[in-house]
Protein backbone atom coordinates (compact mmCIF):
# COMPACT_ATOMS: atom_id res chain seq x y z
CA ASN A 1 -154.88 141.96 71.30
CA ASN A 2 -158.52 142.20 72.31
CA MET A 3 -160.20 138.94 73.22
CA THR A 4 -163.76 138.41 74.49
CA VAL A 5 -164.78 135.29 76.38
CA THR A 6 -168.30 134.14 77.27
CA TYR A 7 -168.34 131.26 79.73
CA ASN A 8 -170.75 128.46 78.80
CA GLY A 9 -169.99 126.11 81.68
CA SER A 10 -170.43 126.21 85.42
CA GLY A 11 -167.87 126.01 88.20
CA TRP A 12 -164.39 127.52 88.18
CA LYS A 13 -162.64 127.84 84.83
CA LEU A 14 -159.24 129.47 84.29
CA ILE A 15 -159.04 131.45 81.05
CA TYR A 16 -155.87 133.22 80.06
CA ALA A 17 -154.81 135.47 77.21
CA ASP A 18 -153.39 133.78 74.12
CA GLN A 19 -150.11 135.68 74.48
CA PRO A 20 -147.97 136.43 77.55
CA LEU A 21 -147.48 140.00 78.66
CA PRO A 22 -144.75 141.69 76.62
CA LYS A 23 -141.44 142.11 78.43
CA THR A 24 -141.69 145.87 77.84
CA SER A 25 -145.27 146.29 79.11
CA LYS A 26 -146.54 144.70 82.27
CA SER A 27 -150.02 146.19 82.25
CA PHE A 28 -153.37 145.02 80.90
CA SER A 29 -157.08 145.67 81.40
CA VAL A 30 -160.13 143.44 81.58
CA LYS A 31 -163.69 144.65 81.13
CA ILE A 32 -166.52 142.73 82.77
CA ASP A 33 -169.08 142.72 79.94
CA HIS A 34 -171.68 140.68 81.82
CA SER A 35 -171.72 139.41 85.36
CA GLN A 36 -174.41 137.55 87.24
CA SER A 37 -174.70 139.14 90.64
CA PRO A 38 -172.78 138.26 92.70
CA SER A 39 -170.41 136.62 90.27
CA PRO A 40 -167.06 135.39 91.57
CA ILE A 41 -164.99 136.62 88.62
CA MET A 42 -161.26 136.79 89.39
CA ILE A 43 -158.70 138.82 87.45
CA GLY A 44 -154.92 138.59 87.70
CA ILE A 45 -151.74 137.07 86.35
CA VAL A 46 -150.51 133.53 86.09
CA PRO A 47 -146.96 132.33 85.38
CA THR A 48 -146.46 129.84 82.54
CA SER A 49 -145.99 127.06 85.10
CA LEU A 50 -149.62 127.39 86.28
CA LEU A 51 -151.38 127.58 82.92
CA LYS A 52 -152.81 124.08 83.32
CA SER A 53 -153.97 124.71 86.89
CA ALA A 54 -157.66 124.25 87.61
CA TYR A 55 -157.75 127.08 90.12
CA CYS A 56 -155.31 129.92 89.80
CA TYR A 57 -156.24 131.88 92.93
CA ASN A 58 -155.28 129.18 95.41
CA SER A 59 -152.06 128.17 93.67
CA ALA A 60 -148.72 129.49 94.87
CA GLY A 61 -147.42 132.16 92.54
CA ALA A 62 -150.73 133.58 91.30
CA TYR A 63 -152.18 136.97 92.16
CA MET A 64 -155.92 137.49 91.73
CA TYR A 65 -158.56 140.17 92.40
CA HIS A 66 -162.03 138.83 93.29
CA ALA A 67 -164.52 141.19 91.59
CA SER A 68 -167.63 140.39 93.63
CA ASN A 69 -166.10 141.06 97.04
CA GLY A 70 -163.00 143.17 96.33
CA ILE A 71 -160.60 140.75 98.05
CA ILE A 72 -157.06 140.25 96.73
CA TYR A 73 -155.64 136.72 96.77
CA THR A 74 -151.85 136.54 96.83
CA SER A 75 -150.24 133.16 96.29
CA GLY A 76 -153.25 131.39 97.73
CA THR A 77 -153.64 133.64 100.78
CA ILE A 78 -156.58 135.96 101.29
CA ASN A 79 -155.23 139.44 101.79
CA ARG A 80 -157.32 141.27 104.39
CA ASN A 81 -157.33 144.56 102.49
CA GLN A 82 -160.20 145.13 100.12
CA ILE A 83 -160.70 147.43 97.17
CA SER A 84 -163.84 148.39 95.29
CA LYS A 85 -166.14 145.64 94.15
CA ALA A 86 -166.60 145.36 90.41
CA GLY A 87 -169.50 144.25 88.25
CA THR A 88 -170.94 144.56 84.75
CA ASN A 89 -169.17 147.31 82.74
CA SER A 90 -166.31 147.65 85.24
CA ILE A 91 -162.78 147.85 83.88
CA ILE A 92 -159.99 146.43 86.00
CA THR A 93 -156.41 147.37 85.13
CA VAL A 94 -153.53 145.25 86.41
CA THR A 95 -150.02 146.71 86.50
CA ILE A 96 -146.87 144.78 87.44
CA ASN A 97 -143.83 146.82 88.46
CA PHE A 98 -140.75 144.64 88.92
CA SER A 99 -138.50 147.56 89.86
CA VAL A 100 -140.44 147.91 93.14
CA ASN A 101 -141.68 144.28 93.20
CA LYS A 102 -145.40 145.21 93.24
CA ILE A 103 -148.62 144.30 91.47
CA GLN A 104 -151.49 146.79 91.43
CA TRP A 105 -155.19 146.55 90.56
CA THR A 106 -157.23 149.63 89.63
CA VAL A 107 -161.02 149.43 89.43
CA ASP A 108 -162.73 151.85 87.02
CA ASN A 109 -159.81 154.30 87.24
CA PHE A 110 -160.98 155.04 90.76
CA GLN A 111 -159.50 152.93 93.52
CA SER A 112 -156.27 151.01 93.34
CA TRP A 113 -154.47 148.63 95.63
CA SER A 114 -151.07 146.97 95.42
CA THR A 115 -149.25 144.13 97.09
CA THR A 116 -145.68 142.85 97.11
CA LEU A 117 -144.81 140.06 94.69
CA ASP A 118 -143.09 137.02 96.12
CA SER A 119 -139.49 136.23 95.17
CA SER A 120 -140.48 133.77 92.44
CA PHE A 121 -141.80 136.64 90.31
CA THR A 122 -139.06 138.08 88.17
CA ASN A 123 -139.00 140.07 84.95
CA SER A 124 -137.29 137.16 83.19
CA ASN A 125 -140.36 134.89 83.45
CA GLU A 126 -143.46 134.98 81.26
CA TYR A 127 -146.83 135.92 82.78
CA TYR A 128 -150.27 135.69 81.25
CA PRO A 129 -153.25 137.91 81.96
CA CYS A 130 -155.99 135.62 83.23
CA VAL A 131 -159.51 135.48 84.56
CA GLU A 132 -161.37 132.80 86.44
CA LEU A 133 -165.06 132.57 85.67
CA TYR A 134 -167.67 130.64 87.60
CA ASN A 135 -171.21 131.41 86.41
CA GLN A 136 -172.66 130.52 83.04
CA ASN A 137 -172.95 133.49 80.64
CA ASP A 138 -170.37 135.61 82.46
CA LYS A 139 -168.50 137.54 79.79
CA VAL A 140 -165.20 139.42 79.93
CA SER A 141 -162.95 141.16 77.42
CA PHE A 142 -159.18 141.42 77.59
CA LEU A 143 -158.49 144.96 76.35
């Protein structure tokens, strides 16, 4: 289901899709409709256990892509590899592949990067697409 979110606050806010990823499809896309530059928008997945967390990216078990600097955060650790930065009108696709235990981000169908999921991630758990927004008027759409 498509869902568009415009952030009216300030400071970090975790926003997640209203439904978990289907068991049969572990892929989703988010479009950045509006981003103040540089806007620290993060895009990733969150297990059900972290839905009430204030900050997803620094919590164990969450995997996030930081749009303004291209850094991947894995279970609270900054991964030193970077992918393309993203901004207004960028589409970021996230794909989870449990058969090889990987999560992958693709920016604008151009550059992709993957990392290994930790052992707590299994196909039997529920995961929600999520974004973390920081600046007022940032707007994203779950596609």
